[in-house]
Amino acid sequence: PCKQIAPILEEISNEYNTVIGKVNVDENTDLASKYDIRSIPTIVVFEDGKPVKNIIGAMPKHVFLKEVDGWI
């Protein structure tokens, strides 16, 4: 699922001129724990450097855009 959504996130990043980072939670367990990531894929939306929303699971672009409406 992570590889499935990667092109969607890259497309959104380019279209909306926003930063989207990727983290391998197997290699960064401290970071995964810090943001309470228990399932992958998990997308953490940040506002002013603070997490404001977690989105869990793969989804089509239009659904993802509805989830982040107002933040991008």
C-alpha atoms as a PDB file:
ATOM      1  CA  PRO A   1       0.000   0.000   0.000  1.00  0.00           C
ATOM      2  CA  CYS A   2       2.841   2.459   0.671  1.00  0.00           C
ATOM      3  CA  LYS A   3       4.225   1.979  -2.818  1.00  0.00           C
ATOM      4  CA  GLN A   4       0.697   2.296  -4.182  1.00  0.00           C
ATOM      5  CA  ILE A   5       0.158   5.770  -2.706  1.00  0.00           C
ATOM      6  CA  ALA A   6       3.674   7.116  -3.318  1.00  0.00           C
ATOM      7  CA  PRO A   7       2.883   8.404  -6.838  1.00  0.00           C
ATOM      8  CA  ILE A   8      -0.346   9.983  -5.583  1.00  0.00           C
ATOM      9  CA  LEU A   9       1.487  11.841  -2.820  1.00  0.00           C
ATOM     10  CA  GLU A  10       4.196  12.988  -5.211  1.00  0.00           C
ATOM     11  CA  GLU A  11       1.546  14.283  -7.596  1.00  0.00           C
ATOM     12  CA  ILE A  12      -0.205  16.177  -4.797  1.00  0.00           C
ATOM     13  CA  SER A  13       3.116  17.603  -3.616  1.00  0.00           C
ATOM     14  CA  ASN A  14       3.841  18.956  -7.080  1.00  0.00           C
ATOM     15  CA  GLU A  15       0.328  20.266  -7.739  1.00  0.00           C
ATOM     16  CA  TYR A  16      -0.073  22.031  -4.396  1.00  0.00           C
ATOM     17  CA  ASN A  17       3.577  23.008  -3.845  1.00  0.00           C
ATOM     18  CA  THR A  18       3.655  21.303  -0.464  1.00  0.00           C
ATOM     19  CA  VAL A  19       6.258  19.179   1.276  1.00  0.00           C
ATOM     20  CA  ILE A  20       5.579  15.485   1.670  1.00  0.00           C
ATOM     21  CA  GLY A  21       8.203  13.389   3.406  1.00  0.00           C
ATOM     22  CA  LYS A  22       8.467   9.637   3.655  1.00  0.00           C
ATOM     23  CA  VAL A  23       9.800   7.647   6.579  1.00  0.00           C
ATOM     24  CA  ASN A  24      10.569   3.945   6.784  1.00  0.00           C
ATOM     25  CA  VAL A  25       9.060   3.087  10.178  1.00  0.00           C
ATOM     26  CA  ASP A  26      10.997  -0.185  10.349  1.00  0.00           C
ATOM     27  CA  GLU A  27      14.226   1.824  10.301  1.00  0.00           C
ATOM     28  CA  ASN A  28      12.890   4.740  12.387  1.00  0.00           C
ATOM     29  CA  THR A  29      11.011   3.087  15.232  1.00  0.00           C
ATOM     30  CA  ASP A  30      11.502   6.054  17.584  1.00  0.00           C
ATOM     31  CA  LEU A  31       9.797   8.389  15.127  1.00  0.00           C
ATOM     32  CA  ALA A  32       6.970   5.919  14.549  1.00  0.00           C
ATOM     33  CA  SER A  33       6.473   5.669  18.288  1.00  0.00           C
ATOM     34  CA  LYS A  34       6.595   9.447  18.759  1.00  0.00           C
ATOM     35  CA  TYR A  35       3.716   9.927  16.306  1.00  0.00           C
ATOM     36  CA  ASP A  36       1.833   6.796  17.420  1.00  0.00           C
ATOM     37  CA  ILE A  37       2.080   5.106  14.022  1.00  0.00           C
ATOM     38  CA  ARG A  38       0.758   1.569  14.346  1.00  0.00           C
ATOM     39  CA  SER A  39      -0.425   0.877  10.806  1.00  0.00           C
ATOM     40  CA  ILE A  40       1.101   1.607   7.454  1.00  0.00           C
ATOM     41  CA  PRO A  41       0.606   3.580   5.447  1.00  0.00           C
ATOM     42  CA  THR A  42      -0.072   6.388   7.887  1.00  0.00           C
ATOM     43  CA  ILE A  43       0.048   9.982   6.747  1.00  0.00           C
ATOM     44  CA  VAL A  44       0.608  12.581   9.448  1.00  0.00           C
ATOM     45  CA  VAL A  45      -0.535  16.084   8.547  1.00  0.00           C
ATOM     46  CA  PHE A  46       1.450  18.845  10.253  1.00  0.00           C
ATOM     47  CA  GLU A  47       0.449  22.451  10.771  1.00  0.00           C
ATOM     48  CA  ASP A  48       2.975  24.903  12.201  1.00  0.00           C
ATOM     49  CA  GLY A  49       5.251  21.960  12.997  1.00  0.00           C
ATOM     50  CA  LYS A  50       2.642  20.085  15.014  1.00  0.00           C
ATOM     51  CA  PRO A  51       0.707  16.974  13.977  1.00  0.00           C
ATOM     52  CA  VAL A  52      -2.968  17.812  13.422  1.00  0.00           C
ATOM     53  CA  LYS A  53      -4.334  14.718  11.708  1.00  0.00           C
ATOM     54  CA  ASN A  54      -3.450  11.097  11.003  1.00  0.00           C
ATOM     55  CA  ILE A  55      -4.746   9.449   7.857  1.00  0.00           C
ATOM     56  CA  ILE A  56      -4.462   5.674   7.838  1.00  0.00           C
ATOM     57  CA  GLY A  57      -4.565   3.465   4.775  1.00  0.00           C
ATOM     58  CA  ALA A  58      -4.263   3.752   1.030  1.00  0.00           C
ATOM     59  CA  MET A  59      -6.911   5.697  -0.834  1.00  0.00           C
ATOM     60  CA  PRO A  60      -7.502   7.280  -4.225  1.00  0.00           C
ATOM     61  CA  LYS A  61      -6.286  10.821  -4.809  1.00  0.00           C
ATOM     62  CA  HIS A  62      -9.731  12.445  -4.638  1.00  0.00           C
ATOM     63  CA  VAL A  63     -10.441  10.828  -1.253  1.00  0.00           C
ATOM     64  CA  PHE A  64      -7.058  11.850   0.105  1.00  0.00           C
ATOM     65  CA  LEU A  65      -7.639  15.435  -1.033  1.00  0.00           C
ATOM     66  CA  LYS A  66     -10.952  15.502   0.861  1.00  0.00           C
ATOM     67  CA  GLU A  67      -9.132  14.286   3.978  1.00  0.00           C
ATOM     68  CA  VAL A  68      -6.577  17.106   3.816  1.00  0.00           C
ATOM     69  CA  ASP A  69      -8.970  19.827   2.634  1.00  0.00           C
ATOM     70  CA  GLY A  70      -8.054  23.038   4.403  1.00  0.00           C
ATOM     71  CA  TRP A  71      -4.444  22.047   5.086  1.00  0.00           C
ATOM     72  CA  ILE A  72      -3.062  22.216   1.550  1.00  0.00           C
END
